[in-house]
N, C-alpha and C. Protein backbone atom coordinates (compact mmCIF):
# COMPACT_ATOMS: atom_id res chain seq x y z
N UNK A 1 0.85 -1.15 0.32
CA UNK A 1 -0.20 -0.30 -0.02
C UNK A 1 1.18 1.60 0.31
N UNK A 2 0.68 1.63 -0.29
CA UNK A 2 1.37 3.31 -1.26
C UNK A 2 1.04 4.46 -0.18
N UNK A 3 1.95 5.04 0.41
CA UNK A 3 1.78 6.04 1.76
C UNK A 3 0.78 7.31 1.53
N UNK A 4 0.60 7.11 -0.09
CA UNK A 4 -0.96 8.10 -0.02
C UNK A 4 -1.61 7.68 -0.31
N UNK A 5 -2.15 6.39 -0.30
CA UNK A 5 -3.49 5.70 0.17
C UNK A 5 -3.38 5.98 1.52
N UNK A 6 -2.38 5.24 2.15
CA UNK A 6 -2.74 5.72 3.71
C UNK A 6 -2.87 7.50 4.94
N UNK A 7 -2.41 7.61 3.92
CA UNK A 7 -3.10 9.43 3.99
C UNK A 7 -4.05 9.59 4.10
N UNK A 8 -4.97 9.14 2.84
CA UNK A 8 -5.74 9.19 2.12
C UNK A 8 -6.70 9.18 3.79
N UNK A 9 -6.82 7.49 4.17
CA UNK A 9 -7.27 6.82 5.33
C UNK A 9 -7.58 7.20 6.45
N UNK A 10 -5.77 7.85 6.41
CA UNK A 10 -6.06 8.89 7.90
C UNK A 10 -6.67 9.77 7.74
N UNK A 11 -7.04 10.67 6.84
CA UNK A 11 -7.53 12.00 6.46
C UNK A 11 -8.79 11.60 6.30
N UNK A 12 -9.34 10.73 5.39
CA UNK A 12 -10.33 10.48 5.64
C UNK A 12 -11.24 10.34 7.17
N UNK A 13 -10.20 9.46 7.90
CA UNK A 13 -10.73 9.46 9.70
C UNK A 13 -10.31 10.06 10.08
N UNK A 14 -10.38 11.28 10.45
CA UNK A 14 -9.81 12.45 11.23
C UNK A 14 -10.64 13.94 10.68
N UNK A 15 -10.51 13.93 9.25
CA UNK A 15 -11.41 14.85 8.51
C UNK A 15 -13.13 14.75 8.13
N UNK A 16 -12.96 13.68 7.99
CA UNK A 16 -14.06 13.47 7.22
C UNK A 16 -15.78 12.76 8.53
N UNK A 17 -14.50 11.56 9.23
CA UNK A 17 -15.44 11.44 10.57
C UNK A 17 -15.46 9.89 9.80
N UNK A 18 -14.87 9.49 8.93
CA UNK A 18 -15.52 8.15 8.67
C UNK A 18 -15.26 7.27 9.47
N UNK A 19 -16.37 5.90 9.61
CA UNK A 19 -15.17 5.29 10.55
C UNK A 19 -14.45 4.19 10.25
N UNK A 20 -14.38 2.91 10.85
CA UNK A 20 -13.50 2.10 10.18
C UNK A 20 -14.04 1.10 9.04
N UNK A 21 -14.68 1.12 9.59
CA UNK A 21 -16.38 0.14 8.63
C UNK A 21 -16.13 1.08 7.10
N UNK A 22 -16.38 2.08 7.30
CA UNK A 22 -16.67 2.77 5.60
C UNK A 22 -15.58 2.65 5.39
N UNK A 23 -14.42 3.38 5.70
CA UNK A 23 -12.80 3.32 5.56
C UNK A 23 -12.47 1.70 5.06
N UNK A 24 -13.19 0.69 5.86
CA UNK A 24 -13.02 -0.65 4.88
C UNK A 24 -13.54 -0.61 3.46
N UNK A 25 -14.40 -0.72 3.11
CA UNK A 25 -15.43 -0.56 2.77
C UNK A 25 -14.41 0.34 1.02
N UNK A 26 -14.68 1.14 1.98
CA UNK A 26 -13.79 2.18 0.72
C UNK A 26 -12.37 2.51 -0.45
N UNK A 27 -12.19 1.93 0.37
CA UNK A 27 -10.81 1.20 0.11
C UNK A 27 -9.85 0.00 0.29
N UNK A 28 -11.62 -0.77 0.77
CA UNK A 28 -11.25 -2.42 0.02
C UNK A 28 -9.83 -2.89 0.50
N UNK A 29 -10.33 -2.63 2.16
CA UNK A 29 -8.78 -3.44 3.20
C UNK A 29 -9.31 -4.09 4.54
N UNK A 30 -8.75 -4.86 4.78
CA UNK A 30 -9.14 -5.68 5.68
C UNK A 30 -9.33 -4.62 6.80
N UNK A 31 -10.36 -4.85 8.20
CA UNK A 31 -9.89 -4.44 9.54
C UNK A 31 -8.81 -4.34 9.65
N UNK A 32 -7.60 -5.02 10.11
CA UNK A 32 -6.88 -4.85 11.14
C UNK A 32 -5.62 -4.15 10.11
N UNK A 33 -6.09 -3.99 8.09
CA UNK A 33 -4.57 -3.17 8.07
C UNK A 33 -5.55 -1.34 8.60
N UNK A 34 -5.95 -0.97 8.35
CA UNK A 34 -7.24 0.52 8.85
C UNK A 34 -7.21 0.70 10.51
N UNK A 35 -6.97 -0.55 11.34
CA UNK A 35 -6.91 -0.70 12.32
C UNK A 35 -5.11 0.09 12.69
N UNK A 36 -4.40 -0.34 11.80
CA UNK A 36 -3.77 -0.37 12.37
C UNK A 36 -2.84 0.99 12.17
N UNK A 37 -3.21 1.58 10.51
CA UNK A 37 -2.98 2.98 9.97
C UNK A 37 -3.57 3.64 10.95
N UNK A 38 -4.72 4.15 11.48
CA UNK A 38 -4.79 4.97 12.70
C UNK A 38 -4.48 4.89 13.63
N UNK A 39 -3.54 4.05 14.50
CA UNK A 39 -3.26 4.51 15.54
C UNK A 39 -2.31 5.61 15.72
N UNK A 40 -2.09 6.18 16.03
CA UNK A 40 -1.62 8.00 16.04
C UNK A 40 -0.19 8.10 16.10
N UNK A 41 0.83 7.03 16.15
CA UNK A 41 1.95 7.04 16.05
C UNK A 41 2.00 7.06 14.78
N UNK A 42 1.34 5.77 14.41
CA UNK A 42 1.13 5.38 12.65
C UNK A 42 0.54 6.36 11.49
N UNK A 43 -0.22 7.54 11.94
CA UNK A 43 -0.67 8.74 10.97
C UNK A 43 0.19 9.61 11.38
N UNK A 44 1.23 10.04 12.53
CA UNK A 44 2.03 11.03 12.29
C UNK A 44 3.53 10.30 11.21
N UNK A 45 3.41 9.14 11.51
CA UNK A 45 4.53 8.67 11.09
C UNK A 45 4.46 8.24 9.57
N UNK A 46 3.45 8.11 8.95
CA UNK A 46 2.65 8.07 7.07
C UNK A 46 2.69 9.87 6.42
N UNK A 47 2.08 10.71 7.80
CA UNK A 47 1.98 12.13 7.40
C UNK A 47 3.56 12.46 7.51
N UNK A 48 4.53 12.27 7.61
CA UNK A 48 6.34 12.68 8.04
C UNK A 48 6.62 12.07 6.97
N UNK A 49 6.25 10.29 6.26
CA UNK A 49 6.83 10.01 4.79
C UNK A 49 6.45 10.82 3.80
N UNK A 50 5.58 11.34 3.91
CA UNK A 50 4.49 11.34 2.83
C UNK A 50 4.60 12.80 2.41
N UNK A 51 4.97 13.82 3.01
CA UNK A 51 5.05 14.78 2.87
C UNK A 51 7.55 15.02 2.89
N UNK A 52 8.05 14.10 3.51
CA UNK A 52 9.28 14.47 3.02
C UNK A 52 9.48 13.96 1.47
N UNK A 53 8.62 12.82 1.01
CA UNK A 53 8.34 12.14 0.18
C UNK A 53 8.54 14.08 -1.20
N UNK A 54 7.56 14.58 -0.93
CA UNK A 54 6.94 15.25 -1.70
C UNK A 54 7.64 15.87 -1.91
N UNK A 55 8.30 15.97 -0.79
CA UNK A 55 9.85 17.64 -0.67
C UNK A 55 10.95 16.77 -1.22
N UNK A 56 11.11 15.33 -1.81
CA UNK A 56 11.80 14.96 -2.26
C UNK A 56 12.07 14.86 -3.94
N UNK A 57 10.49 14.95 -4.64
CA UNK A 57 10.45 14.56 -5.92
C UNK A 57 10.39 16.17 -5.93
N UNK A 58 10.13 17.52 -5.06
CA UNK A 58 9.89 18.44 -5.35
C UNK A 58 11.85 18.82 -6.34
N UNK A 59 12.28 19.06 -5.15
CA UNK A 59 13.56 18.84 -5.51
C UNK A 59 14.27 18.40 -7.12
N UNK A 60 14.11 16.96 -6.83
CA UNK A 60 14.12 16.14 -8.24
C UNK A 60 13.41 17.62 -9.66
N UNK A 61 12.38 17.62 -9.90
CA UNK A 61 12.31 18.85 -10.94
C UNK A 61 12.66 19.99 -11.01
């Protein structure tokens, strides 16, 4: 699973108030995967990795 999708799941949960069940259906992922992504420490890691990746891609252009 790409970091972008993990970030989207995190955003849907935090900003759009989707439930784990709704996220499972929307992204076609098992409950265990969605719950793991939604752990607070994992959400922060995903956000940081995604932002760093975007910065690295911008520097290459």
